[in-house]
Amino acid sequence: MILLLFGVFVVLAAAGVPLAVALGLSGTAAIVAGKLGIMSVPTTVYSAIAKYPLIALPVFILAGMIFERSGVAARLVRLAESIVGKRAGGLAVAAVLVCMILGGISGSGPADAAAVGAVLIPAMTRAGYPREFSASLIAAGGSTAIVIPPSIALIIYSVLVPQASVQALFAAGLVAGLILGATLLVAALAFSRAHGWGAHDPEPAPPFWPSLRDAGWGLAAPVIILGGMRTGAFTPTEAAVVAVAYGLLLGLLVYRSLAWREVWDLLAEAAEISAVILFMVGLAALFGWAVDTVGVFNQFAKWLAQAGTSEVLVLLAITLVLLLAGTALDATATYFVFLPLLLPLAQTYGWHPVWLGIVVTVNVAIGQFTPPTAVNLMVTCRLAGIPMESTLGWCLWLVAAMTAALLVLTFVPGLVLFLPRALGYL
């Protein structure tokens, strides 16, 4: 059954079939072959998407798009430039900082990379940064969006693993996202100062106080979203609605950068993106249900423990596999393909499900800017007008830096779990 399940999936994926369809068809094939009941197909698909936490997913997608179109990114860039100044590495630092702040609003890596790249890639080019480096750095910075709350990926993980609450995952993701961002800041500064990029930027730095005044509304967004959830003013699902309302307030009344006609277009675009994600969640659930029903991975996990296999070796092997898978799969597909194996291992070795979710999601984040199928890198390369293969050298350095941070998070679980515990979520 396992050979049939994964065999059909690999064949369909290699043939270019969309991942959602490949996961659904391979799961259905195993269900039919194993005589597990054909009626489990529609019931599994329905039950996978008919879950309350998933209501937040399309609303956070809409919120991210509203903030992207309302000009928040440009104002945050001006503020970051005014803080770091026109010195070597200044714009590179600004790019990472703005990516992290926007990640606390949008929850989407590609949206984050698009918003920051559209503003900063031309500015970095004028300051002497190679387009290949700028595209790579912003793609890497955008990947932190799926780790820093409110993360769409972590919302999906909480639905698949009910033992990990959204609040605990968001608290853990905040710590992990800050560590990843700090790692990128160090790498960006090191490369920029080594080559002198940005040291002779012809444009003066914008004044601080006017920049702070313009960006203050945008800076308040993650504070309102996360602060409201922490104080209990609203749930994560309600926080998404608050984020949409706040974004509309900025775009329509404060900045006046949105028209009502554009809001209708944003609603349609957000609905389309949400439908694609939920379509994958529903069909991929068949795959996960079939794997769980067969139960081979549970036996494999027990065998590993009984054989005395080193936990360190198991973690290193998992990291390597997930890093490779992350270059081809998005977060949803990665969860459904690997969680049936990882959850039994977590129970066997006593791994915390919140820590596991962060580790898996960070692996996916690294995959978002690792060629050949790096979705964030596709966006930034298109904005920079360069082929993706030209960024390979810089991307590998940034992947190495992020992987070092990943290994720290993997082997020091206390870093991931201390904030959720301190806030009483664990």
Protein backbone atom coordinates (compact mmCIF):
# COMPACT_ATOMS: atom_id res chain seq x y z
CA MET A 1 0.00 0.00 0.00
CA ILE A 2 2.78 2.43 0.88
CA LEU A 3 4.60 1.61 -2.37
CA LEU A 4 1.38 2.18 -4.32
CA LEU A 5 0.64 5.42 -2.47
CA PHE A 6 4.06 7.01 -2.96
CA GLY A 7 4.62 5.39 -6.34
CA VAL A 8 1.50 6.96 -7.84
CA PHE A 9 2.37 10.31 -6.26
CA VAL A 10 5.95 10.33 -7.62
CA VAL A 11 4.81 9.29 -11.11
CA LEU A 12 2.10 11.96 -11.27
CA ALA A 13 4.35 14.68 -9.85
CA ALA A 14 7.12 13.77 -12.32
CA ALA A 15 4.55 13.94 -15.14
CA GLY A 16 3.79 17.54 -14.25
CA VAL A 17 0.41 16.93 -12.63
CA PRO A 18 -0.41 19.69 -10.10
CA LEU A 19 0.66 18.69 -6.59
CA ALA A 20 -2.86 18.91 -5.15
CA VAL A 21 -4.22 16.57 -7.82
CA ALA A 22 -1.24 14.21 -7.47
CA LEU A 23 -1.76 13.95 -3.72
CA GLY A 24 -5.50 13.44 -4.08
CA LEU A 25 -5.26 10.81 -6.83
CA SER A 26 -2.53 8.83 -5.05
CA GLY A 27 -4.57 8.83 -1.85
CA THR A 28 -7.67 7.74 -3.73
CA ALA A 29 -5.75 4.95 -5.48
CA ALA A 30 -4.57 3.59 -2.12
CA ILE A 31 -8.09 3.82 -0.68
CA VAL A 32 -9.57 1.90 -3.62
CA ALA A 33 -6.77 -0.69 -3.71
CA GLY A 34 -6.95 -1.26 0.04
CA LYS A 35 -10.78 -1.43 0.00
CA LEU A 36 -10.90 1.26 2.67
CA GLY A 37 -14.28 2.51 1.48
CA ILE A 38 -14.74 4.83 -1.48
CA MET A 39 -17.12 7.04 0.52
CA SER A 40 -14.19 8.04 2.68
CA VAL A 41 -12.96 10.14 -0.26
CA PRO A 42 -15.64 12.87 -0.17
CA THR A 43 -16.01 12.77 3.62
CA THR A 44 -12.24 13.18 4.13
CA VAL A 45 -12.03 16.09 1.69
CA TYR A 46 -14.98 17.84 3.33
CA SER A 47 -13.82 17.30 6.91
CA ALA A 48 -10.33 18.60 6.01
CA ILE A 49 -11.60 22.05 5.04
CA ALA A 50 -14.70 22.32 7.26
CA LYS A 51 -12.69 23.47 10.27
CA TYR A 52 -13.12 26.73 12.14
CA PRO A 53 -9.43 27.81 12.28
CA LEU A 54 -9.26 27.70 8.48
CA ILE A 55 -11.71 30.60 8.32
CA ALA A 56 -8.74 32.82 9.21
CA LEU A 57 -6.79 31.68 6.15
CA PRO A 58 -8.68 33.52 3.35
CA VAL A 59 -9.15 36.57 5.57
CA PHE A 60 -5.43 36.87 6.37
CA ILE A 61 -4.71 36.48 2.65
CA LEU A 62 -7.05 39.38 1.95
CA ALA A 63 -5.45 41.44 4.74
CA GLY A 64 -1.98 40.87 3.31
CA MET A 65 -3.09 41.95 -0.15
CA ILE A 66 -4.75 45.10 1.20
CA PHE A 67 -1.62 46.13 3.09
CA GLU A 68 0.52 45.37 0.03
CA ARG A 69 -1.58 47.61 -2.24
CA SER A 70 -2.10 50.41 0.28
CA GLY A 71 1.52 51.58 0.17
CA VAL A 72 2.56 50.37 3.62
CA ALA A 73 5.71 48.73 2.23
CA ALA A 74 7.04 51.96 0.67
CA ARG A 75 6.53 53.87 3.92
CA LEU A 76 8.23 51.16 5.97
CA VAL A 77 11.18 51.22 3.58
CA ARG A 78 11.57 54.99 4.02
CA LEU A 79 11.50 54.56 7.80
CA ALA A 80 14.09 51.76 7.69
CA GLU A 81 16.32 53.89 5.44
CA SER A 82 16.06 56.83 7.82
CA ILE A 83 17.13 54.60 10.73
CA VAL A 84 20.05 52.72 9.14
CA GLY A 85 21.23 55.69 7.04
CA LYS A 86 23.16 55.70 3.77
CA ARG A 87 26.11 53.52 4.67
CA ALA A 88 27.50 50.20 3.43
CA GLY A 89 24.81 47.59 3.90
CA GLY A 90 22.16 50.12 4.92
CA LEU A 91 19.62 49.23 2.25
CA ALA A 92 20.29 45.51 2.70
CA VAL A 93 19.48 45.83 6.40
CA ALA A 94 16.38 47.87 5.55
CA ALA A 95 15.22 45.15 3.15
CA VAL A 96 15.40 42.42 5.79
CA LEU A 97 13.75 44.56 8.47
CA VAL A 98 10.85 45.56 6.23
CA CYS A 99 10.37 41.94 5.11
CA MET A 100 10.08 40.89 8.76
CA ILE A 101 7.60 43.66 9.62
CA LEU A 102 5.45 42.94 6.57
CA GLY A 103 5.65 39.24 7.44
CA GLY A 104 3.87 40.19 10.66
CA ILE A 105 1.02 41.51 8.55
CA SER A 106 0.67 39.38 5.42
CA GLY A 107 1.74 35.87 6.49
CA SER A 108 2.66 35.14 2.86
CA GLY A 109 6.22 34.85 1.55
CA PRO A 110 5.55 35.71 -2.12
CA ALA A 111 3.38 38.71 -1.18
CA ASP A 112 6.07 39.94 1.19
CA ALA A 113 8.82 39.54 -1.42
CA ALA A 114 6.72 41.28 -4.09
CA ALA A 115 5.87 44.29 -1.93
CA VAL A 116 9.44 44.86 -0.71
CA GLY A 117 11.12 43.97 -4.00
CA ALA A 118 9.03 46.42 -6.03
CA VAL A 119 10.27 49.29 -3.83
CA LEU A 120 13.79 48.26 -2.86
CA ILE A 121 15.31 46.44 -5.85
CA PRO A 122 15.47 49.63 -7.96
CA ALA A 123 16.79 51.60 -4.96
CA MET A 124 19.45 48.98 -4.16
CA THR A 125 20.52 48.89 -7.82
CA ARG A 126 21.05 52.67 -7.83
CA ALA A 127 23.12 52.31 -4.63
CA GLY A 128 25.45 49.79 -6.29
CA TYR A 129 24.04 46.46 -5.11
CA PRO A 130 24.05 43.73 -7.78
CA ARG A 131 20.53 42.82 -8.84
CA GLU A 132 21.33 39.15 -8.23
CA PHE A 133 22.16 39.83 -4.58
CA SER A 134 19.17 42.12 -4.06
CA ALA A 135 16.75 39.58 -5.51
CA SER A 136 18.25 36.77 -3.42
CA LEU A 137 18.23 38.75 -0.18
CA ILE A 138 14.64 39.97 -0.51
CA ALA A 139 13.47 36.48 -1.48
CA ALA A 140 15.17 35.13 1.66
CA GLY A 141 13.75 37.91 3.82
CA GLY A 142 10.28 37.27 2.44
CA SER A 143 10.51 33.64 3.48
CA THR A 144 10.36 34.69 7.15
CA ALA A 145 6.72 35.67 6.55
CA ILE A 146 5.55 32.06 6.84
CA VAL A 147 7.26 31.75 10.23
CA ILE A 148 6.52 35.14 11.80
CA PRO A 149 2.86 35.38 12.91
CA PRO A 150 0.24 35.62 11.57
CA SER A 151 1.52 32.76 9.43
CA ILE A 152 -0.85 31.07 7.00
CA ALA A 153 1.33 27.94 7.07
CA LEU A 154 1.17 27.71 10.87
CA ILE A 155 -2.62 28.05 10.79
CA ILE A 156 -2.80 25.04 8.47
CA TYR A 157 -0.40 23.11 10.72
CA SER A 158 -2.58 23.78 13.77
CA VAL A 159 -5.54 22.27 11.92
CA LEU A 160 -3.56 19.16 11.02
CA VAL A 161 -2.03 18.82 14.51
CA PRO A 162 -4.70 19.86 17.05
CA GLN A 163 -2.23 19.41 19.94
CA ALA A 164 -0.46 22.56 18.69
CA SER A 165 -2.67 25.61 19.22
CA VAL A 166 -2.50 28.61 16.92
CA GLN A 167 -1.50 30.87 19.82
CA ALA A 168 1.40 28.61 20.84
CA LEU A 169 2.59 28.28 17.24
CA PHE A 170 2.43 32.05 16.72
CA ALA A 171 4.45 32.70 19.90
CA ALA A 172 7.06 30.11 18.89
CA GLY A 173 7.09 31.42 15.33
CA LEU A 174 7.82 34.94 16.56
CA VAL A 175 11.02 33.76 18.27
CA ALA A 176 12.08 31.60 15.33
CA GLY A 177 11.34 34.39 12.85
CA LEU A 178 13.43 36.88 14.81
CA ILE A 179 16.35 34.44 14.92
CA LEU A 180 16.10 33.83 11.16
CA GLY A 181 15.87 37.57 10.50
CA ALA A 182 18.90 38.28 12.69
CA THR A 183 20.86 35.65 10.77
CA LEU A 184 19.97 37.29 7.47
CA LEU A 185 20.91 40.71 8.85
CA VAL A 186 24.38 39.48 9.77
CA ALA A 187 24.85 37.87 6.34
CA ALA A 188 23.57 40.97 4.51
CA LEU A 189 25.89 43.27 6.44
CA ALA A 190 28.88 40.99 5.96
CA PHE A 191 28.47 40.79 2.18
CA SER A 192 27.63 44.48 1.77
CA ARG A 193 30.58 45.76 3.79
CA ALA A 194 32.97 43.30 2.15
CA HIS A 195 32.05 44.71 -1.27
CA GLY A 196 31.29 48.29 -0.23
CA TRP A 197 27.71 48.17 -1.51
CA GLY A 198 25.64 51.18 -0.54
CA ALA A 199 28.55 53.19 0.83
CA HIS A 200 28.29 55.76 -1.97
CA ASP A 201 24.52 55.96 -2.40
CA PRO A 202 23.84 59.26 -4.21
CA GLU A 203 20.43 59.75 -2.60
CA PRO A 204 20.27 61.25 0.90
CA ALA A 205 18.60 59.36 3.72
CA PRO A 206 14.99 60.42 4.34
CA PRO A 207 14.34 62.41 7.54
CA PHE A 208 13.47 60.23 10.53
CA TRP A 209 10.48 61.94 12.13
CA PRO A 210 8.42 62.48 8.95
CA SER A 211 9.21 58.88 7.95
CA LEU A 212 8.12 57.60 11.36
CA ARG A 213 4.90 59.60 11.15
CA ASP A 214 4.08 58.17 7.71
CA ALA A 215 4.95 54.58 8.69
CA GLY A 216 3.42 54.68 12.17
CA TRP A 217 0.05 53.40 10.98
CA GLY A 218 1.68 50.41 9.29
CA LEU A 219 3.89 49.67 12.30
CA ALA A 220 0.80 49.53 14.48
CA ALA A 221 -0.72 46.69 12.44
CA PRO A 222 1.30 43.75 13.86
CA VAL A 223 1.00 45.27 17.34
CA ILE A 224 -2.79 45.36 17.04
CA ILE A 225 -3.00 41.85 15.57
CA LEU A 226 -0.64 40.11 18.02
CA GLY A 227 -1.50 42.29 21.00
CA GLY A 228 -5.20 41.67 20.56
CA MET A 229 -4.69 37.92 20.48
CA ARG A 230 -2.42 38.03 23.53
CA THR A 231 -4.84 40.10 25.61
CA GLY A 232 -7.78 37.94 24.60
CA ALA A 233 -9.56 40.81 22.85
CA PHE A 234 -10.08 38.53 19.85
CA THR A 235 -9.23 35.05 18.61
CA PRO A 236 -6.78 34.37 15.75
CA THR A 237 -9.74 34.07 13.38
CA GLU A 238 -11.20 37.36 14.58
CA ALA A 239 -7.73 38.92 14.36
CA ALA A 240 -7.79 38.31 10.62
CA VAL A 241 -11.02 40.30 10.32
CA VAL A 242 -9.53 43.10 12.45
CA ALA A 243 -6.49 43.15 10.15
CA VAL A 244 -8.72 43.51 7.07
CA ALA A 245 -10.71 46.33 8.67
CA TYR A 246 -7.53 48.12 9.73
CA GLY A 247 -5.99 47.71 6.27
CA LEU A 248 -9.10 49.15 4.62
CA LEU A 249 -9.01 52.07 7.06
CA LEU A 250 -5.43 52.85 6.01
CA GLY A 251 -5.91 52.34 2.30
CA LEU A 252 -9.24 54.15 1.91
CA LEU A 253 -9.15 56.91 4.54
CA VAL A 254 -5.62 57.49 5.89
CA TYR A 255 -3.32 56.99 2.88
CA ARG A 256 -6.11 57.23 0.27
CA SER A 257 -4.13 54.83 -1.90
CA LEU A 258 -7.05 52.47 -2.54
CA ALA A 259 -10.33 53.04 -4.37
CA TRP A 260 -13.49 51.08 -3.67
CA ARG A 261 -13.27 49.58 -7.17
CA GLU A 262 -9.84 48.15 -6.29
CA VAL A 263 -11.23 46.61 -3.10
CA TRP A 264 -13.65 44.54 -5.18
CA ASP A 265 -10.75 43.30 -7.31
CA LEU A 266 -8.79 42.42 -4.17
CA LEU A 267 -11.74 40.41 -2.85
CA ALA A 268 -11.89 38.40 -6.07
CA GLU A 269 -8.12 37.82 -6.14
CA ALA A 270 -8.01 36.77 -2.49
CA ALA A 271 -10.91 34.38 -3.05
CA GLU A 272 -9.08 32.78 -5.96
CA ILE A 273 -5.84 32.31 -3.99
CA SER A 274 -7.76 30.96 -0.99
CA ALA A 275 -9.64 28.49 -3.17
CA VAL A 276 -6.37 27.13 -4.54
CA ILE A 277 -4.95 26.63 -1.03
CA LEU A 278 -8.13 25.02 0.34
CA PHE A 279 -8.36 22.81 -2.77
CA MET A 280 -4.89 21.50 -1.94
CA VAL A 281 -5.77 21.06 1.74
CA GLY A 282 -8.85 19.03 0.86
CA LEU A 283 -7.22 16.74 -1.71
CA ALA A 284 -3.99 16.34 0.21
CA ALA A 285 -6.02 15.19 3.22
CA LEU A 286 -6.80 12.02 1.26
CA PHE A 287 -3.09 11.31 1.05
CA GLY A 288 -2.54 11.88 4.75
CA TRP A 289 -5.59 9.83 5.72
CA ALA A 290 -4.49 6.89 3.56
CA VAL A 291 -0.96 6.93 5.02
CA ASP A 292 -2.30 7.15 8.57
CA THR A 293 -4.79 4.32 7.98
CA VAL A 294 -2.14 1.99 6.60
CA GLY A 295 -0.04 2.70 9.71
CA VAL A 296 3.31 1.63 8.33
CA PHE A 297 5.05 4.78 9.56
CA ASN A 298 3.95 4.13 13.13
CA GLN A 299 5.64 0.75 13.00
CA PHE A 300 8.72 2.31 11.38
CA ALA A 301 9.00 4.88 14.19
CA LYS A 302 8.82 2.16 16.84
CA TRP A 303 11.45 0.15 14.98
CA LEU A 304 13.81 3.14 14.91
CA ALA A 305 13.49 3.62 18.65
CA GLN A 306 13.90 -0.07 19.44
CA ALA A 307 16.94 -0.29 17.15
CA GLY A 308 18.64 2.38 19.26
CA THR A 309 18.95 4.82 16.36
CA SER A 310 20.54 8.09 17.49
CA GLU A 311 18.04 10.91 17.81
CA VAL A 312 20.67 13.31 16.45
CA LEU A 313 21.06 11.24 13.28
CA VAL A 314 17.29 11.05 12.87
CA LEU A 315 16.97 14.84 13.18
CA LEU A 316 19.80 15.46 10.71
CA ALA A 317 18.23 13.04 8.22
CA ILE A 318 14.83 14.71 8.60
CA THR A 319 16.39 18.16 8.10
CA LEU A 320 18.16 17.05 4.93
CA VAL A 321 15.04 15.45 3.46
CA LEU A 322 12.82 18.43 4.31
CA LEU A 323 15.33 20.90 2.87
CA LEU A 324 15.36 18.97 -0.40
CA ALA A 325 11.57 18.60 -0.40
CA GLY A 326 11.12 22.29 0.35
CA THR A 327 12.70 23.20 -2.98
CA ALA A 328 9.80 21.50 -4.78
CA LEU A 329 6.85 21.50 -2.36
CA ASP A 330 5.01 24.30 -0.60
CA ALA A 331 4.09 24.25 3.09
CA THR A 332 0.72 22.52 2.65
CA ALA A 333 2.08 19.72 0.47
CA THR A 334 5.08 19.27 2.77
CA TYR A 335 2.83 18.90 5.79
CA PHE A 336 0.62 16.28 4.18
CA VAL A 337 3.48 14.27 2.69
CA PHE A 338 5.76 14.21 5.74
CA LEU A 339 3.58 14.61 8.83
CA PRO A 340 2.35 11.00 8.64
CA LEU A 341 5.99 10.00 9.19
CA LEU A 342 7.02 12.82 11.50
CA LEU A 343 4.14 12.60 14.00
CA PRO A 344 4.84 8.95 14.94
CA LEU A 345 8.52 9.86 15.27
CA ALA A 346 7.57 12.80 17.50
CA GLN A 347 5.59 10.50 19.78
CA THR A 348 8.38 7.95 19.86
CA TYR A 349 11.14 10.43 20.70
CA GLY A 350 9.01 12.77 22.79
CA TRP A 351 9.25 15.79 20.48
CA HIS A 352 6.86 18.65 21.20
CA PRO A 353 4.35 19.21 18.34
CA VAL A 354 4.81 23.01 18.50
CA TRP A 355 8.58 22.66 18.12
CA LEU A 356 8.07 20.16 15.28
CA GLY A 357 5.74 22.57 13.47
CA ILE A 358 8.28 25.39 13.66
CA VAL A 359 11.14 23.18 12.45
CA VAL A 360 9.14 21.88 9.48
CA THR A 361 7.93 25.37 8.59
CA VAL A 362 11.45 26.84 8.71
CA ASN A 363 12.55 24.10 6.31
CA VAL A 364 9.74 25.13 3.97
CA ALA A 365 10.74 28.80 4.36
CA ILE A 366 14.27 28.02 3.21
CA GLY A 367 12.82 26.16 0.24
CA GLN A 368 10.93 29.30 -0.82
CA PHE A 369 14.17 30.89 -2.03
CA THR A 370 16.16 27.77 -2.97
CA PRO A 371 16.29 27.08 -6.74
CA PRO A 372 14.99 25.51 -8.91
CA THR A 373 11.33 26.03 -7.88
CA ALA A 374 11.72 28.88 -5.37
CA VAL A 375 8.46 30.82 -5.45
CA ASN A 376 9.84 33.90 -3.66
CA LEU A 377 12.88 33.97 -5.92
CA MET A 378 10.67 33.76 -9.00
CA VAL A 379 8.89 36.92 -7.84
CA THR A 380 12.04 38.93 -7.06
CA CYS A 381 13.87 37.80 -10.21
CA ARG A 382 10.92 38.94 -12.28
CA LEU A 383 11.01 42.34 -10.55
CA ALA A 384 14.79 42.57 -11.04
CA GLY A 385 14.60 41.46 -14.68
CA ILE A 386 17.20 38.72 -14.27
CA PRO A 387 17.18 34.92 -14.81
CA MET A 388 16.89 32.80 -11.67
CA GLU A 389 20.08 30.87 -12.39
CA SER A 390 22.12 34.07 -12.06
CA THR A 391 21.24 34.25 -8.35
CA LEU A 392 22.44 30.74 -7.51
CA GLY A 393 25.74 31.82 -5.94
CA TRP A 394 24.17 34.34 -3.56
CA CYS A 395 21.22 32.09 -2.77
CA LEU A 396 23.46 29.24 -1.66
CA TRP A 397 25.25 31.53 0.81
CA LEU A 398 21.93 32.71 2.25
CA VAL A 399 20.60 29.14 2.36
CA ALA A 400 23.71 28.16 4.34
CA ALA A 401 23.12 31.02 6.80
CA MET A 402 19.45 30.13 7.28
CA THR A 403 20.30 26.44 7.60
CA ALA A 404 22.71 27.27 10.43
CA ALA A 405 19.86 29.05 12.23
CA LEU A 406 17.58 26.07 11.49
CA LEU A 407 20.05 23.67 13.12
CA VAL A 408 20.14 25.85 16.23
CA LEU A 409 16.33 25.80 16.42
CA THR A 410 16.34 22.04 15.81
CA PHE A 411 18.83 21.07 18.47
CA VAL A 412 17.88 23.70 21.06
CA PRO A 413 14.09 23.23 21.40
CA GLY A 414 14.05 25.53 24.42
CA LEU A 415 14.61 28.52 22.13
CA VAL A 416 11.41 27.69 20.27
CA LEU A 417 9.28 26.79 23.29
CA PHE A 418 10.28 29.32 25.95
CA LEU A 419 7.94 32.13 24.79
CA PRO A 420 4.81 29.92 24.43
CA ARG A 421 5.54 28.56 27.91
CA ALA A 422 6.14 32.02 29.35
CA LEU A 423 2.81 33.21 27.93
CA GLY A 424 0.97 30.19 29.29
CA TYR A 425 0.14 28.58 25.93
CA LEU A 426 1.89 25.29 26.79
